[in-house]
Amino acid sequence: LPSIAFTIFGHDIHFYGLIIAFGFTLAVLYGGRMAYK
């Protein structure tokens, strides 16, 4: 099981942060859609 997804500009991007960001993004998209309705 990897902990680092990829490295960019010398900085490690961890799966932990990516997954949190992904969940946050989906929550925002859902909220925005419902707010529009």
PDB file of all heavy atoms in Angstrom:
ATOM      1  N   LEU A   1       0.844  -1.190   0.000  1.00  0.00           N
ATOM      2  CA  LEU A   1       0.000   0.000   0.000  1.00  0.00           C
ATOM      3  C   LEU A   1       0.884   1.246   0.000  1.00  0.00           C
ATOM      4  O   LEU A   1       1.653   1.472   0.932  1.00  0.00           O
ATOM      5  CB  LEU A   1      -0.901   0.013   1.248  1.00  0.00           C
ATOM      6  CG  LEU A   1      -1.891   1.161   1.364  1.00  0.00           C
ATOM      7  CD1 LEU A   1      -3.016   0.998   0.342  1.00  0.00           C
ATOM      8  CD2 LEU A   1      -2.476   1.213   2.780  1.00  0.00           C
ATOM      9  N   PRO A   2       0.801   2.067  -1.047  1.00  0.00           N
ATOM     10  CA  PRO A   2       1.638   3.271  -1.100  1.00  0.00           C
ATOM     11  C   PRO A   2       1.045   4.397  -0.261  1.00  0.00           C
ATOM     12  O   PRO A   2      -0.172   4.488  -0.086  1.00  0.00           O
ATOM     13  CB  PRO A   2       1.621   3.632  -2.584  1.00  0.00           C
ATOM     14  CG  PRO A   2       0.283   3.166  -3.051  1.00  0.00           C
ATOM     15  CD  PRO A   2      -0.013   1.906  -2.272  1.00  0.00           C
ATOM     16  N   SER A   3       1.885   5.248   0.254  1.00  0.00           N
ATOM     17  CA  SER A   3       1.406   6.429   0.979  1.00  0.00           C
ATOM     18  C   SER A   3       1.521   7.689   0.122  1.00  0.00           C
ATOM     19  O   SER A   3       0.797   8.659   0.340  1.00  0.00           O
ATOM     20  CB  SER A   3       2.195   6.618   2.272  1.00  0.00           C
ATOM     21  OG  SER A   3       3.573   6.846   1.985  1.00  0.00           O
ATOM     22  N   ILE A   4       2.425   7.656  -0.857  1.00  0.00           N
ATOM     23  CA  ILE A   4       2.651   8.819  -1.723  1.00  0.00           C
ATOM     24  C   ILE A   4       2.091   8.534  -3.109  1.00  0.00           C
ATOM     25  O   ILE A   4       2.402   7.505  -3.730  1.00  0.00           O
ATOM     26  CB  ILE A   4       4.144   9.165  -1.809  1.00  0.00           C
ATOM     27  CG1 ILE A   4       4.668   9.553  -0.420  1.00  0.00           C
ATOM     28  CG2 ILE A   4       4.390  10.285  -2.807  1.00  0.00           C
ATOM     29  CD1 ILE A   4       6.161   9.796  -0.367  1.00  0.00           C
ATOM     30  N   ALA A   5       1.240   9.445  -3.598  1.00  0.00           N
ATOM     31  CA  ALA A   5       0.621   9.265  -4.915  1.00  0.00           C
ATOM     32  C   ALA A   5       1.586   9.633  -6.025  1.00  0.00           C
ATOM     33  O   ALA A   5       1.763   8.905  -6.990  1.00  0.00           O
ATOM     34  CB  ALA A   5      -0.648  10.108  -5.008  1.00  0.00           C
ATOM     35  N   PHE A   6       2.223  10.794  -5.890  1.00  0.00           N
ATOM     36  CA  PHE A   6       3.198  11.243  -6.885  1.00  0.00           C
ATOM     37  C   PHE A   6       3.985  12.407  -6.292  1.00  0.00           C
ATOM     38  O   PHE A   6       3.652  12.931  -5.223  1.00  0.00           O
ATOM     39  CB  PHE A   6       2.523  11.655  -8.195  1.00  0.00           C
ATOM     40  CG  PHE A   6       1.444  12.708  -8.035  1.00  0.00           C
ATOM     41  CD1 PHE A   6       1.751  14.060  -8.036  1.00  0.00           C
ATOM     42  CD2 PHE A   6       0.117  12.321  -7.888  1.00  0.00           C
ATOM     43  CE1 PHE A   6       0.766  15.026  -7.892  1.00  0.00           C
ATOM     44  CE2 PHE A   6      -0.884  13.282  -7.732  1.00  0.00           C
ATOM     45  CZ  PHE A   6      -0.563  14.620  -7.748  1.00  0.00           C
ATOM     46  N   THR A   7       5.034  12.800  -7.002  1.00  0.00           N
ATOM     47  CA  THR A   7       5.885  13.913  -6.571  1.00  0.00           C
ATOM     48  C   THR A   7       5.851  14.995  -7.634  1.00  0.00           C
ATOM     49  O   THR A   7       5.975  14.707  -8.831  1.00  0.00           O
ATOM     50  CB  THR A   7       7.329  13.456  -6.344  1.00  0.00           C
ATOM     51  OG1 THR A   7       7.347  12.439  -5.335  1.00  0.00           O
ATOM     52  CG2 THR A   7       8.206  14.619  -5.890  1.00  0.00           C
ATOM     53  N   ILE A   8       5.660  16.233  -7.219  1.00  0.00           N
ATOM     54  CA  ILE A   8       5.613  17.344  -8.157  1.00  0.00           C
ATOM     55  C   ILE A   8       6.439  18.502  -7.607  1.00  0.00           C
ATOM     56  O   ILE A   8       6.293  18.885  -6.435  1.00  0.00           O
ATOM     57  CB  ILE A   8       4.156  17.780  -8.429  1.00  0.00           C
ATOM     58  CG1 ILE A   8       4.104  18.873  -9.488  1.00  0.00           C
ATOM     59  CG2 ILE A   8       3.445  18.190  -7.159  1.00  0.00           C
ATOM     60  CD1 ILE A   8       2.701  19.184  -9.980  1.00  0.00           C
ATOM     61  N   PHE A   9       7.328  19.019  -8.425  1.00  0.00           N
ATOM     62  CA  PHE A   9       8.220  20.110  -8.021  1.00  0.00           C
ATOM     63  C   PHE A   9       8.956  19.805  -6.719  1.00  0.00           C
ATOM     64  O   PHE A   9       9.139  20.662  -5.858  1.00  0.00           O
ATOM     65  CB  PHE A   9       7.437  21.410  -7.879  1.00  0.00           C
ATOM     66  CG  PHE A   9       6.724  21.833  -9.129  1.00  0.00           C
ATOM     67  CD1 PHE A   9       5.362  22.091  -9.114  1.00  0.00           C
ATOM     68  CD2 PHE A   9       7.408  21.958 -10.329  1.00  0.00           C
ATOM     69  CE1 PHE A   9       4.696  22.473 -10.264  1.00  0.00           C
ATOM     70  CE2 PHE A   9       6.750  22.332 -11.497  1.00  0.00           C
ATOM     71  CZ  PHE A   9       5.389  22.601 -11.473  1.00  0.00           C
ATOM     72  N   GLY A  10       9.329  18.529  -6.572  1.00  0.00           N
ATOM     73  CA  GLY A  10      10.091  18.128  -5.400  1.00  0.00           C
ATOM     74  C   GLY A  10       9.261  17.896  -4.152  1.00  0.00           C
ATOM     75  O   GLY A  10       9.820  17.608  -3.091  1.00  0.00           O
ATOM     76  N   HIS A  11       7.937  17.992  -4.255  1.00  0.00           N
ATOM     77  CA  HIS A  11       7.062  17.804  -3.097  1.00  0.00           C
ATOM     78  C   HIS A  11       6.239  16.532  -3.264  1.00  0.00           C
ATOM     79  O   HIS A  11       5.642  16.299  -4.323  1.00  0.00           O
ATOM     80  CB  HIS A  11       6.127  18.998  -2.913  1.00  0.00           C
ATOM     81  CG  HIS A  11       6.839  20.279  -2.596  1.00  0.00           C
ATOM     82  ND1 HIS A  11       7.338  20.563  -1.337  1.00  0.00           N
ATOM     83  CD2 HIS A  11       7.153  21.351  -3.372  1.00  0.00           C
ATOM     84  CE1 HIS A  11       7.911  21.758  -1.343  1.00  0.00           C
ATOM     85  NE2 HIS A  11       7.818  22.245  -2.570  1.00  0.00           N
ATOM     86  N   ASP A  12       6.200  15.718  -2.215  1.00  0.00           N
ATOM     87  CA  ASP A  12       5.419  14.483  -2.243  1.00  0.00           C
ATOM     88  C   ASP A  12       3.939  14.796  -2.024  1.00  0.00           C
ATOM     89  O   ASP A  12       3.576  15.517  -1.084  1.00  0.00           O
ATOM     90  CB  ASP A  12       5.895  13.518  -1.153  1.00  0.00           C
ATOM     91  CG  ASP A  12       7.299  12.997  -1.416  1.00  0.00           C
ATOM     92  OD1 ASP A  12       7.684  12.928  -2.599  1.00  0.00           O
ATOM     93  OD2 ASP A  12       8.007  12.679  -0.439  1.00  0.00           O
ATOM     94  N   ILE A  13       3.099  14.251  -2.885  1.00  0.00           N
ATOM     95  CA  ILE A  13       1.651  14.396  -2.737  1.00  0.00           C
ATOM     96  C   ILE A  13       1.123  13.075  -2.201  1.00  0.00           C
ATOM     97  O   ILE A  13       1.208  12.041  -2.867  1.00  0.00           O
ATOM     98  CB  ILE A  13       0.985  14.734  -4.092  1.00  0.00           C
ATOM     99  CG1 ILE A  13       1.635  15.964  -4.718  1.00  0.00           C
ATOM    100  CG2 ILE A  13      -0.524  14.934  -3.898  1.00  0.00           C
ATOM    101  CD1 ILE A  13       1.562  17.217  -3.866  1.00  0.00           C
ATOM    102  N   HIS A  14       0.596  13.104  -0.986  1.00  0.00           N
ATOM    103  CA  HIS A  14       0.150  11.887  -0.312  1.00  0.00           C
ATOM    104  C   HIS A  14      -1.279  11.524  -0.695  1.00  0.00           C
ATOM    105  O   HIS A  14      -2.118  12.393  -0.947  1.00  0.00           O
ATOM    106  CB  HIS A  14       0.244  12.077   1.202  1.00  0.00           C
ATOM    107  CG  HIS A  14       1.656  12.172   1.709  1.00  0.00           C
ATOM    108  ND1 HIS A  14       2.285  11.138   2.374  1.00  0.00           N
ATOM    109  CD2 HIS A  14       2.563  13.181   1.640  1.00  0.00           C
ATOM    110  CE1 HIS A  14       3.513  11.503   2.695  1.00  0.00           C
ATOM    111  NE2 HIS A  14       3.709  12.743   2.272  1.00  0.00           N
ATOM    112  N   PHE A  15      -1.551  10.225  -0.725  1.00  0.00           N
ATOM    113  CA  PHE A  15      -2.905   9.758  -0.993  1.00  0.00           C
ATOM    114  C   PHE A  15      -3.886  10.300   0.037  1.00  0.00           C
ATOM    115  O   PHE A  15      -5.052  10.573  -0.284  1.00  0.00           O
ATOM    116  CB  PHE A  15      -2.946   8.220  -0.988  1.00  0.00           C
ATOM    117  CG  PHE A  15      -2.583   7.616  -2.311  1.00  0.00           C
ATOM    118  CD1 PHE A  15      -1.349   7.000  -2.492  1.00  0.00           C
ATOM    119  CD2 PHE A  15      -3.470   7.650  -3.374  1.00  0.00           C
ATOM    120  CE1 PHE A  15      -1.009   6.437  -3.710  1.00  0.00           C
ATOM    121  CE2 PHE A  15      -3.143   7.096  -4.591  1.00  0.00           C
ATOM    122  CZ  PHE A  15      -1.910   6.486  -4.768  1.00  0.00           C
ATOM    123  N   TYR A  16      -3.435  10.445   1.276  1.00  0.00           N
ATOM    124  CA  TYR A  16      -4.301  10.960   2.342  1.00  0.00           C
ATOM    125  C   TYR A  16      -4.906  12.304   1.931  1.00  0.00           C
ATOM    126  O   TYR A  16      -6.126  12.501   1.974  1.00  0.00           O
ATOM    127  CB  TYR A  16      -3.492  11.113   3.632  1.00  0.00           C
ATOM    128  CG  TYR A  16      -4.268  11.667   4.801  1.00  0.00           C
ATOM    129  CD1 TYR A  16      -5.011  10.817   5.622  1.00  0.00           C
ATOM    130  CD2 TYR A  16      -4.270  13.029   5.090  1.00  0.00           C
ATOM    131  CE1 TYR A  16      -5.723  11.309   6.701  1.00  0.00           C
ATOM    132  CE2 TYR A  16      -4.980  13.531   6.167  1.00  0.00           C
ATOM    133  CZ  TYR A  16      -5.706  12.668   6.968  1.00  0.00           C
ATOM    134  OH  TYR A  16      -6.423  13.168   8.031  1.00  0.00           O
ATOM    135  N   GLY A  17      -4.058  13.221   1.502  1.00  0.00           N
ATOM    136  CA  GLY A  17      -4.532  14.539   1.112  1.00  0.00           C
ATOM    137  C   GLY A  17      -5.393  14.502  -0.138  1.00  0.00           C
ATOM    138  O   GLY A  17      -6.401  15.212  -0.229  1.00  0.00           O
ATOM    139  N   LEU A  18      -5.005  13.661  -1.112  1.00  0.00           N
ATOM    140  CA  LEU A  18      -5.780  13.556  -2.344  1.00  0.00           C
ATOM    141  C   LEU A  18      -7.189  13.044  -2.070  1.00  0.00           C
ATOM    142  O   LEU A  18      -8.171  13.530  -2.640  1.00  0.00           O
ATOM    143  CB  LEU A  18      -5.074  12.621  -3.333  1.00  0.00           C
ATOM    144  CG  LEU A  18      -3.855  13.169  -4.071  1.00  0.00           C
ATOM    145  CD1 LEU A  18      -3.292  12.098  -4.992  1.00  0.00           C
ATOM    146  CD2 LEU A  18      -4.220  14.415  -4.880  1.00  0.00           C
ATOM    147  N   ILE A  19      -7.292  12.053  -1.203  1.00  0.00           N
ATOM    148  CA  ILE A  19      -8.600  11.466  -0.909  1.00  0.00           C
ATOM    149  C   ILE A  19      -9.477  12.463  -0.153  1.00  0.00           C
ATOM    150  O   ILE A  19     -10.674  12.605  -0.442  1.00  0.00           O
ATOM    151  CB  ILE A  19      -8.424  10.158  -0.110  1.00  0.00           C
ATOM    152  CG1 ILE A  19      -7.794   9.099  -1.017  1.00  0.00           C
ATOM    153  CG2 ILE A  19      -9.760   9.670   0.437  1.00  0.00           C
ATOM    154  CD1 ILE A  19      -7.386   7.846  -0.294  1.00  0.00           C
ATOM    155  N   ILE A  20      -8.895  13.164   0.801  1.00  0.00           N
ATOM    156  CA  ILE A  20      -9.648  14.190   1.525  1.00  0.00           C
ATOM    157  C   ILE A  20     -10.140  15.253   0.547  1.00  0.00           C
ATOM    158  O   ILE A  20     -11.306  15.688   0.590  1.00  0.00           O
ATOM    159  CB  ILE A  20      -8.774  14.850   2.615  1.00  0.00           C
ATOM    160  CG1 ILE A  20      -8.385  13.827   3.683  1.00  0.00           C
ATOM    161  CG2 ILE A  20      -9.518  16.026   3.243  1.00  0.00           C
ATOM    162  CD1 ILE A  20      -9.509  13.276   4.486  1.00  0.00           C
ATOM    163  N   ALA A  21      -9.263  15.662  -0.367  1.00  0.00           N
ATOM    164  CA  ALA A  21      -9.632  16.681  -1.358  1.00  0.00           C
ATOM    165  C   ALA A  21     -10.724  16.175  -2.290  1.00  0.00           C
ATOM    166  O   ALA A  21     -11.637  16.927  -2.662  1.00  0.00           O
ATOM    167  CB  ALA A  21      -8.399  17.090  -2.164  1.00  0.00           C
ATOM    168  N   PHE A  22     -10.650  14.912  -2.671  1.00  0.00           N
ATOM    169  CA  PHE A  22     -11.654  14.323  -3.550  1.00  0.00           C
ATOM    170  C   PHE A  22     -13.022  14.293  -2.868  1.00  0.00           C
ATOM    171  O   PHE A  22     -14.051  14.660  -3.467  1.00  0.00           O
ATOM    172  CB  PHE A  22     -11.230  12.912  -3.952  1.00  0.00           C
ATOM    173  CG  PHE A  22     -12.214  12.207  -4.847  1.00  0.00           C
ATOM    174  CD1 PHE A  22     -12.529  12.713  -6.103  1.00  0.00           C
ATOM    175  CD2 PHE A  22     -12.815  11.026  -4.438  1.00  0.00           C
ATOM    176  CE1 PHE A  22     -13.434  12.063  -6.932  1.00  0.00           C
ATOM    177  CE2 PHE A  22     -13.716  10.366  -5.259  1.00  0.00           C
ATOM    178  CZ  PHE A  22     -14.029  10.889  -6.506  1.00  0.00           C
ATOM    179  N   GLY A  23     -13.046  13.860  -1.616  1.00  0.00           N
ATOM    180  CA  GLY A  23     -14.299  13.841  -0.865  1.00  0.00           C
ATOM    181  C   GLY A  23     -14.877  15.233  -0.710  1.00  0.00           C
ATOM    182  O   GLY A  23     -16.098  15.446  -0.843  1.00  0.00           O
ATOM    183  N   PHE A  24     -14.012  16.202  -0.429  1.00  0.00           N
ATOM    184  CA  PHE A  24     -14.440  17.590  -0.280  1.00  0.00           C
ATOM    185  C   PHE A  24     -15.031  18.112  -1.590  1.00  0.00           C
ATOM    186  O   PHE A  24     -16.075  18.769  -1.594  1.00  0.00           O
ATOM    187  CB  PHE A  24     -13.245  18.449   0.144  1.00  0.00           C
ATOM    188  CG  PHE A  24     -13.545  19.916   0.247  1.00  0.00           C
ATOM    189  CD1 PHE A  24     -14.183  20.431   1.358  1.00  0.00           C
ATOM    190  CD2 PHE A  24     -13.185  20.785  -0.776  1.00  0.00           C
ATOM    191  CE1 PHE A  24     -14.464  21.787   1.453  1.00  0.00           C
ATOM    192  CE2 PHE A  24     -13.451  22.133  -0.690  1.00  0.00           C
ATOM    193  CZ  PHE A  24     -14.099  22.642   0.425  1.00  0.00           C
ATOM    194  N   THR A  25     -14.375  17.787  -2.695  1.00  0.00           N
ATOM    195  CA  THR A  25     -14.847  18.255  -4.002  1.00  0.00           C
ATOM    196  C   THR A  25     -16.226  17.685  -4.338  1.00  0.00           C
ATOM    197  O   THR A  25     -17.111  18.414  -4.807  1.00  0.00           O
ATOM    198  CB  THR A  25     -13.846  17.862  -5.100  1.00  0.00           C
ATOM    199  OG1 THR A  25     -12.575  18.449  -4.813  1.00  0.00           O
ATOM    200  CG2 THR A  25     -14.317  18.340  -6.465  1.00  0.00           C
ATOM    201  N   LEU A  26     -16.415  16.394  -4.107  1.00  0.00           N
ATOM    202  CA  LEU A  26     -17.717  15.792  -4.383  1.00  0.00           C
ATOM    203  C   LEU A  26     -18.810  16.393  -3.492  1.00  0.00           C
ATOM    204  O   LEU A  26     -19.936  16.613  -3.955  1.00  0.00           O
ATOM    205  CB  LEU A  26     -17.660  14.280  -4.159  1.00  0.00           C
ATOM    206  CG  LEU A  26     -16.938  13.444  -5.216  1.00  0.00           C
ATOM    207  CD1 LEU A  26     -17.127  11.957  -4.929  1.00  0.00           C
ATOM    208  CD2 LEU A  26     -17.461  13.760  -6.613  1.00  0.00           C
ATOM    209  N   ALA A  27     -18.465  16.671  -2.233  1.00  0.00           N
ATOM    210  CA  ALA A  27     -19.434  17.284  -1.328  1.00  0.00           C
ATOM    211  C   ALA A  27     -19.835  18.671  -1.818  1.00  0.00           C
ATOM    212  O   ALA A  27     -21.013  19.047  -1.783  1.00  0.00           O
ATOM    213  CB  ALA A  27     -18.839  17.365   0.083  1.00  0.00           C
ATOM    214  N   VAL A  28     -18.852  19.432  -2.302  1.00  0.00           N
ATOM    215  CA  VAL A  28     -19.131  20.780  -2.813  1.00  0.00           C
ATOM    216  C   VAL A  28     -19.996  20.702  -4.073  1.00  0.00           C
ATOM    217  O   VAL A  28     -20.955  21.469  -4.227  1.00  0.00           O
ATOM    218  CB  VAL A  28     -17.814  21.518  -3.117  1.00  0.00           C
ATOM    219  CG1 VAL A  28     -18.084  22.811  -3.881  1.00  0.00           C
ATOM    220  CG2 VAL A  28     -17.075  21.828  -1.817  1.00  0.00           C
ATOM    221  N   LEU A  29     -19.685  19.777  -4.968  1.00  0.00           N
ATOM    222  CA  LEU A  29     -20.459  19.634  -6.198  1.00  0.00           C
ATOM    223  C   LEU A  29     -21.901  19.236  -5.890  1.00  0.00           C
ATOM    224  O   LEU A  29     -22.851  19.753  -6.507  1.00  0.00           O
ATOM    225  CB  LEU A  29     -19.815  18.589  -7.109  1.00  0.00           C
ATOM    226  CG  LEU A  29     -18.468  18.986  -7.725  1.00  0.00           C
ATOM    227  CD1 LEU A  29     -17.878  17.812  -8.508  1.00  0.00           C
ATOM    228  CD2 LEU A  29     -18.627  20.203  -8.643  1.00  0.00           C
ATOM    229  N   TYR A  30     -22.067  18.347  -4.942  1.00  0.00           N
ATOM    230  CA  TYR A  30     -23.421  17.934  -4.552  1.00  0.00           C
ATOM    231  C   TYR A  30     -24.183  19.118  -3.953  1.00  0.00           C
ATOM    232  O   TYR A  30     -25.334  19.385  -4.312  1.00  0.00           O
ATOM    233  CB  TYR A  30     -23.364  16.791  -3.540  1.00  0.00           C
ATOM    234  CG  TYR A  30     -24.722  16.413  -2.988  1.00  0.00           C
ATOM    235  CD1 TYR A  30     -25.539  15.520  -3.670  1.00  0.00           C
ATOM    236  CD2 TYR A  30     -25.195  16.964  -1.789  1.00  0.00           C
ATOM    237  CE1 TYR A  30     -26.790  15.180  -3.175  1.00  0.00           C
ATOM    238  CE2 TYR A  30     -26.440  16.639  -1.300  1.00  0.00           C
ATOM    239  CZ  TYR A  30     -27.232  15.751  -1.995  1.00  0.00           C
ATOM    240  OH  TYR A  30     -28.486  15.426  -1.506  1.00  0.00           O
ATOM    241  N   GLY A  31     -23.532  19.819  -3.025  1.00  0.00           N
ATOM    242  CA  GLY A  31     -24.174  20.968  -2.398  1.00  0.00           C
ATOM    243  C   GLY A  31     -24.529  22.046  -3.399  1.00  0.00           C
ATOM    244  O   GLY A  31     -25.607  22.651  -3.326  1.00  0.00           O
ATOM    245  N   GLY A  32     -23.640  22.280  -4.360  1.00  0.00           N
ATOM    246  CA  GLY A  32     -23.912  23.289  -5.381  1.00  0.00           C
ATOM    247  C   GLY A  32     -25.082  22.917  -6.251  1.00  0.00           C
ATOM    248  O   GLY A  32     -25.919  23.766  -6.597  1.00  0.00           O
ATOM    249  N   ARG A  33     -25.159  21.649  -6.618  1.00  0.00           N
ATOM    250  CA  ARG A  33     -26.266  21.175  -7.447  1.00  0.00           C
ATOM    251  C   ARG A  33     -27.597  21.311  -6.720  1.00  0.00           C
ATOM    252  O   ARG A  33     -28.598  21.781  -7.293  1.00  0.00           O
ATOM    253  CB  ARG A  33     -26.022  19.719  -7.834  1.00  0.00           C
ATOM    254  CG  ARG A  33     -27.127  19.076  -8.679  1.00  0.00           C
ATOM    255  CD  ARG A  33     -27.290  19.792  -9.998  1.00  0.00           C
ATOM    256  NE  ARG A  33     -28.294  19.153 -10.827  1.00  0.00           N
ATOM    257  CZ  ARG A  33     -28.819  19.689 -11.918  1.00  0.00           C
ATOM    258  NH1 ARG A  33     -28.412  20.878 -12.322  1.00  0.00           N
ATOM    259  NH2 ARG A  33     -29.726  19.036 -12.622  1.00  0.00           N
ATOM    260  N   MET A  34     -27.621  20.901  -5.453  1.00  0.00           N
ATOM    261  CA  MET A  34     -28.855  20.994  -4.680  1.00  0.00           C
ATOM    262  C   MET A  34     -29.232  22.452  -4.414  1.00  0.00           C
ATOM    263  O   MET A  34     -30.413  22.814  -4.434  1.00  0.00           O
ATOM    264  CB  MET A  34     -28.701  20.240  -3.359  1.00  0.00           C
ATOM    265  CG  MET A  34     -28.600  18.729  -3.523  1.00  0.00           C
ATOM    266  SD  MET A  34     -30.092  17.992  -4.233  1.00  0.00           S
ATOM    267  CE  MET A  34     -31.256  18.254  -2.881  1.00  0.00           C
ATOM    268  N   ALA A  35     -28.233  23.288  -4.181  1.00  0.00           N
ATOM    269  CA  ALA A  35     -28.503  24.711  -3.948  1.00  0.00           C
ATOM    270  C   ALA A  35     -29.141  25.339  -5.186  1.00  0.00           C
ATOM    271  O   ALA A  35     -30.050  26.174  -5.077  1.00  0.00           O
ATOM    272  CB  ALA A  35     -27.209  25.438  -3.591  1.00  0.00           C
ATOM    273  N   TYR A  36     -28.672  24.935  -6.360  1.00  0.00           N
ATOM    274  CA  TYR A  36     -29.254  25.433  -7.615  1.00  0.00           C
ATOM    275  C   TYR A  36     -30.724  25.009  -7.736  1.00  0.00           C
ATOM    276  O   TYR A  36     -31.594  25.810  -8.093  1.00  0.00           O
ATOM    277  CB  TYR A  36     -28.449  24.902  -8.794  1.00  0.00           C
ATOM    278  CG  TYR A  36     -29.045  25.242 -10.140  1.00  0.00           C
ATOM    279  CD1 TYR A  36     -28.896  26.516 -10.690  1.00  0.00           C
ATOM    280  CD2 TYR A  36     -29.756  24.286 -10.857  1.00  0.00           C
ATOM    281  CE1 TYR A  36     -29.454  26.832 -11.919  1.00  0.00           C
ATOM    282  CE2 TYR A  36     -30.306  24.588 -12.094  1.00  0.00           C
ATOM    283  CZ  TYR A  36     -30.159  25.859 -12.618  1.00  0.00           C
ATOM    284  OH  TYR A  36     -30.712  26.164 -13.833  1.00  0.00           O
ATOM    285  N   LYS A  37     -30.999  23.737  -7.432  1.00  0.00           N
ATOM    286  CA  LYS A  37     -32.375  23.245  -7.498  1.00  0.00           C
ATOM    287  C   LYS A  37     -33.283  23.961  -6.495  1.00  0.00           C
ATOM    288  O   LYS A  37     -34.469  24.161  -6.748  1.00  0.00           O
ATOM    289  CB  LYS A  37     -32.411  21.736  -7.226  1.00  0.00           C
ATOM    290  CG  LYS A  37     -31.854  20.885  -8.348  1.00  0.00           C
ATOM    291  CD  LYS A  37     -32.011  19.408  -8.024  1.00  0.00           C
ATOM    292  CE  LYS A  37     -31.556  18.529  -9.182  1.00  0.00           C
ATOM    293  NZ  LYS A  37     -31.717  17.090  -8.885  1.00  0.00           N
TER     294      LYS A  37
END
